Amino acid sequence: MAGTTYVGTDVTLPTFIIIGAAKSGTTSLYRYLEQHPAVFMSPVKETLFFAPDWWGGPEGGGRGVQTLEAYEALFAGADAARAIGEASPQYLSSKEAAARIKSVVPDARLIAILRDPAERAYSAFLHLVRDGAEPIKDFPAALAAEEQRVGDVDDPIWLYREGSQYADQLERYYEHFRPEQLRVYLYEEFAADPVRVTQDALEFVGVGGDFVPDVSLRFNPGGVPRSERLHRVVGGDGRLRQAMMRWLPPALGRDVLVRVINRNLVKPELPEDMRRELAASFVPDIERVEKLLQRDLSAWKP
C-alpha cells in the first residue's frame, strides 16, 4: 500500500480512528462512542489494517484485516452514519500506521488516549498475566526481559517500556496530519469523567456533544483474576462465554460477561518505590510529550 492512495474510490471507509495507546481505555471509548445513533463503529476492534508491522506474518499465523476489500466490508451498512470509526490501539506504536492512514483516509480524525507511562506498563503486564500469556509473574523481571523479547513479540502490549514512550509515536502522527485532526486525551481524565470525554470525542468526530452515553461498564480493565477457573470459562473461548453468546442477544451477552469478568478481577497496586523508579526512567520522554501537547504532565513524574 505504500505510495498508493485510495482517496476518491467508491468505498466506505472510516472518518475517525482511535489509534491507542494500549491499556489506556480505548475499548471503553470504542463502546461508548458506538452507542450514539449517528456513529458506526467497525464490529471488529483491533482491525490492524494500517499496522502491517503487527500482523505477525505467515509464521505468526497472520492477524488483522489485511486487504482493502476486507477492511471496507467491515463498514458495510454504515451509509446512514454521520461518523464512521474503528479502534486499533496498535496504531500508535506502529511505525507504519501513520503514513498508511494518511495514504488511505487523509482527512480522518484521530483520537489517542495516553496513560501514566508506569501505570500503563504495569497494566499491560497484568493483562498478559490475566490471560495466562506472560510466563514471568514478577513485574521487574518481565521489564528486564523486554529487550530480549522485542524481536519476537507479535503485539505491542508486550512492550512494557517501549509502548509507554509516546513522544516518537505522536511525532509520527504530527508529521503526517494537521494538529486539528488529532485529539489527545489523558487516561486519568477519561477515568475520572468518562461522560465528558466521550461527549468531547463525539463533538470532535462531528456528531455533536449532547448525547449522554451509558458508562456504567468499564471494558477490558487491567487486573488479575481472583478465580482463574472462572476466568477460563467466561473469558476467551470459555464454555460459558460461548453458551451466553449463543443464547442471549449479542450486546446483552457481552455486557453480562463483562460484569462477571470485572467482578472476578483484582488489581494489585504497583509498589510506590517501583513506580518512582520506573517513572524516573520515563522523564525525558514525558518532557518531550509535554512540549508536543503543551500540557503539564508532572503527575506522571516521580
Protein backbone atom coordinates (compact mmCIF):
# COMPACT_ATOMS: atom_id res chain seq x y z
CA MET A 1 0.00 0.00 0.00
CA ALA A 2 3.00 2.30 0.40
CA GLY A 3 2.75 5.19 -2.01
CA THR A 4 -0.79 4.23 -3.03
CA THR A 5 -3.88 6.28 -2.43
CA TYR A 6 -7.45 5.05 -2.38
CA VAL A 7 -8.93 8.50 -1.95
CA GLY A 8 -11.75 9.02 -4.44
CA THR A 9 -12.61 5.34 -4.81
CA ASP A 10 -16.22 4.35 -4.25
CA VAL A 11 -15.75 2.68 -0.87
CA THR A 12 -16.92 3.32 2.67
CA LEU A 13 -14.01 3.98 4.99
CA PRO A 14 -13.62 5.46 8.48
CA THR A 15 -13.95 9.15 9.15
CA PHE A 16 -12.19 8.72 12.51
CA ILE A 17 -9.86 6.22 14.16
CA ILE A 18 -8.94 5.54 17.77
CA ILE A 19 -5.20 4.91 17.49
CA GLY A 20 -4.23 3.98 21.09
CA ALA A 21 -2.47 3.67 23.43
CA ALA A 22 -2.96 0.08 24.56
CA LYS A 23 -4.33 -0.34 28.13
CA SER A 24 -5.46 3.27 28.19
CA GLY A 25 -9.23 2.96 27.91
CA THR A 26 -9.59 2.53 24.16
CA THR A 27 -12.04 -0.37 24.44
CA SER A 28 -14.32 1.60 26.75
CA LEU A 29 -14.24 4.66 24.48
CA TYR A 30 -14.98 2.44 21.47
CA ARG A 31 -18.03 1.00 23.28
CA TYR A 32 -19.26 4.38 24.48
CA LEU A 33 -18.97 6.03 21.06
CA GLU A 34 -20.84 3.22 19.30
CA GLN A 35 -23.90 3.93 21.46
CA HIS A 36 -24.54 7.14 19.53
CA PRO A 37 -27.19 6.58 16.82
CA ALA A 38 -25.22 8.58 14.24
CA VAL A 39 -21.93 6.72 14.85
CA PHE A 40 -20.99 3.45 13.18
CA MET A 41 -18.06 1.57 14.68
CA SER A 42 -16.33 -1.35 12.99
CA PRO A 43 -17.73 -4.55 14.54
CA VAL A 44 -14.12 -5.73 14.78
CA LYS A 45 -11.98 -3.87 17.28
CA GLU A 46 -8.26 -4.01 16.52
CA THR A 47 -8.54 -4.47 12.77
CA LEU A 48 -4.79 -3.74 12.50
CA PHE A 49 -5.36 -2.83 8.85
CA PHE A 50 -2.95 0.10 8.89
CA ALA A 51 -0.31 -1.67 11.01
CA PRO A 52 1.29 -4.46 8.95
CA ASP A 53 4.23 -4.44 11.34
CA TRP A 54 1.82 -6.01 13.86
CA TRP A 55 0.16 -8.52 11.52
CA GLY A 56 2.57 -11.23 12.64
CA GLY A 57 3.17 -12.60 9.14
CA PRO A 58 2.66 -16.16 7.92
CA GLU A 59 4.90 -17.68 10.58
CA GLY A 60 2.89 -15.94 13.28
CA GLY A 61 -0.36 -17.13 11.73
CA GLY A 62 -1.21 -13.65 10.47
CA ARG A 63 -3.58 -11.32 12.30
CA GLY A 64 -5.83 -8.48 11.43
CA VAL A 65 -7.59 -7.34 8.29
CA GLN A 66 -5.01 -7.25 5.52
CA THR A 67 -6.80 -6.19 2.32
CA LEU A 68 -8.73 -3.05 1.43
CA GLU A 69 -11.67 -5.18 0.33
CA ALA A 70 -11.88 -6.94 3.69
CA TYR A 71 -11.42 -3.66 5.51
CA GLU A 72 -14.16 -1.94 3.53
CA ALA A 73 -16.50 -4.86 4.25
CA LEU A 74 -16.33 -4.03 7.96
CA PHE A 75 -18.17 -0.78 7.26
CA ALA A 76 -21.00 -2.20 5.17
CA GLY A 77 -24.25 -0.69 6.32
CA ALA A 78 -22.62 2.49 7.60
CA ASP A 79 -24.01 4.71 4.84
CA ALA A 80 -26.53 6.43 7.13
CA ALA A 81 -23.93 7.22 9.79
CA ARG A 82 -22.50 10.71 10.12
CA ALA A 83 -19.30 9.38 11.71
CA ILE A 84 -17.64 6.05 10.93
CA GLY A 85 -14.88 4.74 13.15
CA GLU A 86 -12.60 1.95 14.20
CA ALA A 87 -10.21 1.38 17.09
CA SER A 88 -6.82 -0.31 16.92
CA PRO A 89 -4.55 0.69 19.82
CA GLN A 90 -1.60 -0.88 18.00
CA TYR A 91 -1.65 2.05 15.55
CA LEU A 92 0.05 4.42 17.97
CA SER A 93 3.11 2.20 18.42
CA SER A 94 3.19 1.08 14.77
CA LYS A 95 5.99 2.58 12.74
CA GLU A 96 3.90 2.29 9.55
CA ALA A 97 0.35 3.17 10.56
CA ALA A 98 0.52 6.97 10.41
CA ALA A 99 1.75 7.02 6.80
CA ARG A 100 -0.69 4.32 5.73
CA ILE A 101 -3.66 6.07 7.32
CA LYS A 102 -2.61 9.27 5.55
CA SER A 103 -2.49 7.49 2.17
CA VAL A 104 -5.97 5.99 2.52
CA VAL A 105 -8.04 8.37 4.67
CA PRO A 106 -6.04 11.62 4.75
CA ASP A 107 -8.89 13.63 6.27
CA ALA A 108 -9.64 11.20 9.10
CA ARG A 109 -9.79 12.46 12.64
CA LEU A 110 -7.59 10.60 15.09
CA ILE A 111 -8.10 10.01 18.79
CA ALA A 112 -5.38 8.96 21.23
CA ILE A 113 -5.57 8.29 24.96
CA LEU A 114 -2.30 8.43 26.87
CA ARG A 115 -1.84 6.93 30.32
CA ASP A 116 0.72 7.46 33.06
CA PRO A 117 3.61 5.50 31.47
CA ALA A 118 4.49 3.50 34.58
CA GLU A 119 0.86 2.57 35.21
CA ARG A 120 0.31 1.70 31.54
CA ALA A 121 3.32 -0.62 31.56
CA TYR A 122 2.10 -2.33 34.72
CA SER A 123 -1.43 -2.66 33.37
CA ALA A 124 -0.10 -4.30 30.19
CA PHE A 125 1.84 -6.75 32.32
CA LEU A 126 -1.25 -7.59 34.41
CA HIS A 127 -3.29 -8.04 31.22
CA LEU A 128 -0.90 -10.70 29.95
CA VAL A 129 -0.72 -12.37 33.37
CA ARG A 130 -4.53 -12.35 33.48
CA ASP A 131 -4.76 -14.16 30.16
CA GLY A 132 -2.06 -16.68 31.04
CA ALA A 133 0.28 -15.39 28.33
CA GLU A 134 3.05 -13.89 30.49
CA PRO A 135 5.27 -16.68 31.88
CA ILE A 136 7.20 -14.23 34.09
CA LYS A 137 4.98 -13.34 37.03
CA ASP A 138 7.39 -10.82 38.57
CA PHE A 139 6.97 -7.35 37.05
CA PRO A 140 10.60 -6.17 37.40
CA ALA A 141 11.80 -9.45 35.85
CA ALA A 142 9.33 -9.05 32.97
CA LEU A 143 10.57 -5.50 32.40
CA ALA A 144 14.15 -6.76 32.33
CA ALA A 145 13.21 -9.38 29.73
CA GLU A 146 11.71 -6.85 27.32
CA GLU A 147 14.93 -6.05 25.48
CA GLN A 148 15.44 -9.72 24.59
CA ARG A 149 11.79 -10.13 23.56
CA VAL A 150 11.45 -7.13 21.25
CA GLY A 151 12.15 -9.00 18.02
CA ASP A 152 9.88 -11.93 18.89
CA VAL A 153 6.62 -10.38 20.09
CA ASP A 154 3.64 -10.00 17.76
CA ASP A 155 1.72 -7.39 19.74
CA PRO A 156 2.89 -4.10 21.28
CA ILE A 157 1.21 -4.99 24.57
CA TRP A 158 4.39 -6.97 25.32
CA LEU A 159 6.46 -3.79 25.05
CA TYR A 160 6.00 -2.52 28.57
CA ARG A 161 8.63 0.23 28.43
CA GLU A 162 8.67 0.97 24.71
CA GLY A 163 4.89 1.10 24.49
CA SER A 164 4.84 3.73 27.24
CA GLN A 165 7.20 6.12 25.46
CA TYR A 166 4.80 8.26 23.50
CA ALA A 167 6.93 11.05 22.04
CA ASP A 168 8.19 9.26 18.92
CA GLN A 169 4.77 7.66 18.46
CA LEU A 170 2.96 11.00 18.50
CA GLU A 171 5.55 12.73 16.34
CA ARG A 172 4.85 10.26 13.52
CA TYR A 173 1.22 11.42 13.51
CA TYR A 174 2.02 15.12 13.77
CA GLU A 175 4.36 14.64 10.81
CA HIS A 176 1.52 13.35 8.63
CA PHE A 177 -1.59 15.09 9.96
CA ARG A 178 -2.66 18.61 10.81
CA PRO A 179 -2.82 19.25 14.57
CA GLU A 180 -6.58 19.85 14.37
CA GLN A 181 -7.02 16.28 13.12
CA LEU A 182 -5.64 14.83 16.36
CA ARG A 183 -7.37 14.80 19.73
CA VAL A 184 -5.26 13.52 22.61
CA TYR A 185 -6.87 12.68 25.96
CA LEU A 186 -5.30 11.53 29.19
CA TYR A 187 -6.49 8.24 30.63
CA GLU A 188 -6.68 9.83 34.05
CA GLU A 189 -9.23 12.42 32.88
CA PHE A 190 -11.18 9.77 30.98
CA ALA A 191 -11.35 7.52 34.05
CA ALA A 192 -12.44 10.46 36.22
CA ASP A 193 -15.17 11.71 33.86
CA PRO A 194 -15.90 9.28 31.01
CA VAL A 195 -19.12 11.07 30.03
CA ARG A 196 -17.38 14.41 29.48
CA VAL A 197 -14.52 12.89 27.49
CA THR A 198 -16.89 10.79 25.37
CA GLN A 199 -19.04 13.83 24.64
CA ASP A 200 -15.96 15.81 23.65
CA ALA A 201 -14.90 12.96 21.35
CA LEU A 202 -18.39 12.87 19.80
CA GLU A 203 -18.14 16.59 19.13
CA PHE A 204 -14.68 16.06 17.63
CA VAL A 205 -15.88 13.36 15.19
CA GLY A 206 -18.76 15.54 14.04
CA VAL A 207 -21.98 14.31 15.64
CA GLY A 208 -22.36 16.86 18.44
CA GLY A 209 -21.64 16.53 22.13
CA ASP A 210 -25.08 16.42 23.76
CA PHE A 211 -25.51 12.64 23.78
CA VAL A 212 -25.13 11.02 27.21
CA PRO A 213 -23.55 7.55 26.93
CA ASP A 214 -24.04 4.72 29.41
CA VAL A 215 -20.64 4.49 31.08
CA SER A 216 -21.64 2.06 33.83
CA LEU A 217 -19.33 -0.62 32.43
CA ARG A 218 -15.57 -0.47 32.07
CA PHE A 219 -14.32 -2.67 29.27
CA ASN A 220 -11.09 -4.66 29.36
CA PRO A 221 -9.78 -3.29 32.67
CA GLY A 222 -6.40 -4.34 34.00
CA GLY A 223 -6.10 -6.83 36.81
CA VAL A 224 -5.64 -10.49 37.61
CA PRO A 225 -8.45 -12.98 38.29
CA ARG A 226 -9.41 -13.95 41.81
CA SER A 227 -10.53 -17.29 40.36
CA GLU A 228 -8.52 -18.49 37.36
CA ARG A 229 -11.08 -21.25 36.79
CA LEU A 230 -13.93 -18.73 36.47
CA HIS A 231 -11.83 -16.56 34.18
CA ARG A 232 -11.18 -19.53 31.90
CA VAL A 233 -14.88 -20.31 31.46
CA VAL A 234 -16.05 -16.71 30.93
CA GLY A 235 -13.06 -15.31 29.03
CA GLY A 236 -11.65 -16.03 25.59
CA ASP A 237 -13.34 -19.11 24.15
CA GLY A 238 -14.59 -20.35 27.51
CA ARG A 239 -17.65 -22.59 27.58
CA LEU A 240 -19.83 -20.14 29.49
CA ARG A 241 -18.95 -17.34 27.09
CA GLN A 242 -19.88 -19.47 24.10
CA ALA A 243 -23.19 -20.52 25.66
CA MET A 244 -24.18 -16.98 26.66
CA MET A 245 -23.30 -15.52 23.28
CA ARG A 246 -25.33 -18.28 21.65
CA TRP A 247 -28.50 -17.83 23.72
CA LEU A 248 -28.52 -14.12 24.60
CA PRO A 249 -28.68 -11.09 22.29
CA PRO A 250 -25.06 -10.21 21.47
CA ALA A 251 -24.93 -6.88 23.31
CA LEU A 252 -26.65 -8.29 26.41
CA GLY A 253 -24.45 -11.39 26.45
CA ARG A 254 -21.34 -9.25 26.10
CA ASP A 255 -22.35 -6.90 28.91
CA VAL A 256 -23.23 -9.75 31.29
CA LEU A 257 -19.88 -11.39 30.61
CA VAL A 258 -18.04 -8.09 31.14
CA ARG A 259 -19.72 -7.68 34.53
CA VAL A 260 -18.75 -11.21 35.56
CA ILE A 261 -15.17 -10.78 34.37
CA ASN A 262 -14.80 -7.39 36.08
CA ARG A 263 -16.12 -8.69 39.41
CA ASN A 264 -13.59 -11.51 39.25
CA LEU A 265 -10.65 -9.16 38.72
CA VAL A 266 -8.46 -7.58 41.36
CA LYS A 267 -5.71 -5.11 40.52
CA PRO A 268 -2.61 -5.35 42.71
CA GLU A 269 -1.16 -1.91 43.32
CA LEU A 270 2.16 -1.04 41.74
CA PRO A 271 4.52 -0.58 44.72
CA GLU A 272 5.32 3.10 45.15
CA ASP A 273 9.11 2.63 45.15
CA MET A 274 8.87 0.66 41.91
CA ARG A 275 6.57 3.27 40.39
CA ARG A 276 9.01 6.08 41.25
CA GLU A 277 11.94 4.19 39.77
CA LEU A 278 10.05 3.37 36.60
CA ALA A 279 8.62 6.88 36.29
CA ALA A 280 12.12 8.35 36.59
CA SER A 281 13.19 6.38 33.53
CA PHE A 282 10.34 7.92 31.54
CA VAL A 283 11.01 11.57 32.48
CA PRO A 284 12.91 12.55 29.28
CA ASP A 285 10.11 11.15 27.14
CA ILE A 286 7.41 12.72 29.31
CA GLU A 287 9.04 16.13 28.89
CA ARG A 288 9.01 15.72 25.12
CA VAL A 289 5.31 14.82 25.26
CA GLU A 290 4.63 17.89 27.41
CA LYS A 291 6.12 20.08 24.67
CA LEU A 292 4.17 18.31 21.93
CA LEU A 293 0.85 18.62 23.72
CA GLN A 294 1.55 21.86 25.60
CA ARG A 295 0.27 20.15 28.76
CA ASP A 296 1.61 19.74 32.26
CA LEU A 297 2.28 16.04 32.87
CA SER A 298 4.05 16.40 36.20
CA ALA A 299 1.65 13.88 37.75
CA TRP A 300 3.40 11.21 35.68
CA LYS A 301 6.81 12.09 37.06
CA PRO A 302 8.35 10.71 40.26
